Protein backbone atom coordinates (compact mmCIF):
# COMPACT_ATOMS: atom_id res chain seq x y z
CA UNK A 1 69.06 -84.14 150.31
CA UNK A 2 65.63 -85.41 149.34
CA UNK A 3 64.76 -86.61 145.84
CA UNK A 4 63.02 -83.40 144.70
CA UNK A 5 65.76 -81.07 145.87
CA UNK A 6 68.43 -83.22 144.20
CA UNK A 7 66.58 -83.01 140.88
CA UNK A 8 66.16 -79.30 141.30
CA UNK A 9 69.85 -78.86 142.14
CA UNK A 10 70.86 -80.75 139.00
CA UNK A 11 68.41 -78.83 136.81
CA UNK A 12 69.27 -75.39 138.16
CA UNK A 13 72.99 -76.04 138.59
CA UNK A 14 73.35 -77.69 135.19
CA UNK A 15 71.40 -74.92 133.47
CA UNK A 16 73.40 -72.11 135.05
CA UNK A 17 76.75 -73.81 134.51
CA UNK A 18 75.86 -74.76 130.93
CA UNK A 19 74.64 -71.28 130.05
CA UNK A 20 77.67 -69.52 131.54
CA UNK A 21 80.07 -72.01 129.98
CA UNK A 22 78.59 -71.80 126.48
CA UNK A 23 78.40 -68.00 126.71
CA UNK A 24 82.11 -67.88 127.55
CA UNK A 25 83.00 -70.44 124.87
CA UNK A 26 81.06 -68.59 122.17
CA UNK A 27 82.52 -65.21 123.12
CA UNK A 28 86.04 -66.65 123.26
CA UNK A 29 85.58 -68.39 119.90
CA UNK A 30 84.14 -65.23 118.36
CA UNK A 31 87.10 -63.23 119.66
CA UNK A 32 89.32 -65.70 117.80
CA UNK A 33 87.28 -65.51 114.59
CA UNK A 34 85.34 -68.75 115.00
CA UNK A 35 81.58 -68.34 114.42
CA UNK A 36 79.19 -69.76 117.06
CA UNK A 37 77.73 -72.38 114.73
CA UNK A 38 81.21 -73.73 114.00
CA UNK A 39 81.92 -74.01 117.73
CA UNK A 40 78.68 -75.91 118.32
CA UNK A 41 79.36 -78.15 115.33
CA UNK A 42 82.70 -78.95 116.93
CA UNK A 43 80.84 -80.21 119.99
CA UNK A 44 78.55 -82.27 117.74
CA UNK A 45 81.58 -83.71 115.95
CA UNK A 46 82.17 -85.83 119.03
CA UNK A 47 79.12 -87.84 117.95
CA UNK A 48 78.90 -87.16 114.23
CA UNK A 49 82.58 -86.97 113.32
CA UNK A 50 83.67 -84.73 110.45
CA UNK A 51 80.16 -84.75 108.97
CA UNK A 52 79.08 -82.36 111.76
CA UNK A 53 80.75 -79.49 109.91
CA UNK A 54 78.51 -80.08 106.89
CA UNK A 55 75.42 -80.50 109.08
CA UNK A 56 74.54 -76.82 109.29
CA UNK A 57 72.10 -75.58 111.92
CA UNK A 58 70.94 -79.10 112.81
CA UNK A 59 74.46 -80.13 113.81
CA UNK A 60 74.89 -76.88 115.75
CA UNK A 61 71.62 -77.54 117.62
CA UNK A 62 72.82 -81.06 118.39
CA UNK A 63 76.07 -79.59 119.71
CA UNK A 64 74.16 -77.22 121.97
CA UNK A 65 72.00 -80.08 123.23
CA UNK A 66 75.05 -82.23 123.89
CA UNK A 67 76.72 -79.35 125.71
CA UNK A 68 73.79 -79.00 128.11
CA UNK A 69 73.49 -82.78 128.46
CA UNK A 70 77.11 -82.89 129.64
CA UNK A 71 76.47 -79.97 131.97
CA UNK A 72 73.52 -81.78 133.57
CA UNK A 73 75.57 -84.98 133.89
CA UNK A 74 78.38 -83.11 135.65
CA UNK A 75 75.89 -81.41 137.99
CA UNK A 76 74.30 -84.80 138.69
CA UNK A 77 77.66 -86.37 139.47
CA UNK A 78 78.42 -83.53 141.86
CA UNK A 79 75.05 -83.87 143.62
CA UNK A 80 75.52 -87.64 143.99
CA UNK A 81 79.07 -87.26 145.27
CA UNK A 82 78.15 -84.44 147.66
CA UNK A 83 75.61 -86.72 149.34
CA UNK A 84 78.41 -89.16 150.18
CA UNK A 85 81.39 -86.84 150.70
CA UNK A 86 80.63 -84.15 153.26
CA UNK A 87 83.61 -82.03 152.21
CA UNK A 88 81.85 -81.22 148.94
CA UNK A 89 78.93 -79.55 150.70
CA UNK A 90 80.97 -77.82 153.39
CA UNK A 91 83.51 -76.33 150.95
CA UNK A 92 81.53 -76.54 147.74
CA UNK A 93 82.10 -73.09 146.25
CA UNK A 94 85.89 -73.25 146.57
CA UNK A 95 86.02 -76.81 145.31
CA UNK A 96 83.81 -76.07 142.29
CA UNK A 97 86.18 -73.33 141.16
CA UNK A 98 89.20 -75.61 141.65
CA UNK A 99 87.66 -78.51 139.73
CA UNK A 100 86.44 -76.24 136.94
CA UNK A 101 89.91 -74.74 136.64
CA UNK A 102 91.42 -78.20 136.20
CA UNK A 103 88.96 -79.29 133.51
């Protein structure tokens, strides 16, 4: 995989995975009575601690940014690993579902 296509794979893959994951998380949280901003503040609390819950929209925006940052990092790790482990590219779709189910 050349340098441009690897960047594109990380950008597109991370964006799609991040968007689908946060959409599911927000809908699941909402179903359980947790508002979206509270969910995103929970993500931000990994960096800010308990003060994230008093941080309002800024903490929620940080949580959303951190969520997508992690999504891009996971996509990048997969792209790097798939260049070295052929199994990941030959059986990628099945493996992605298995790994996602574990995490």
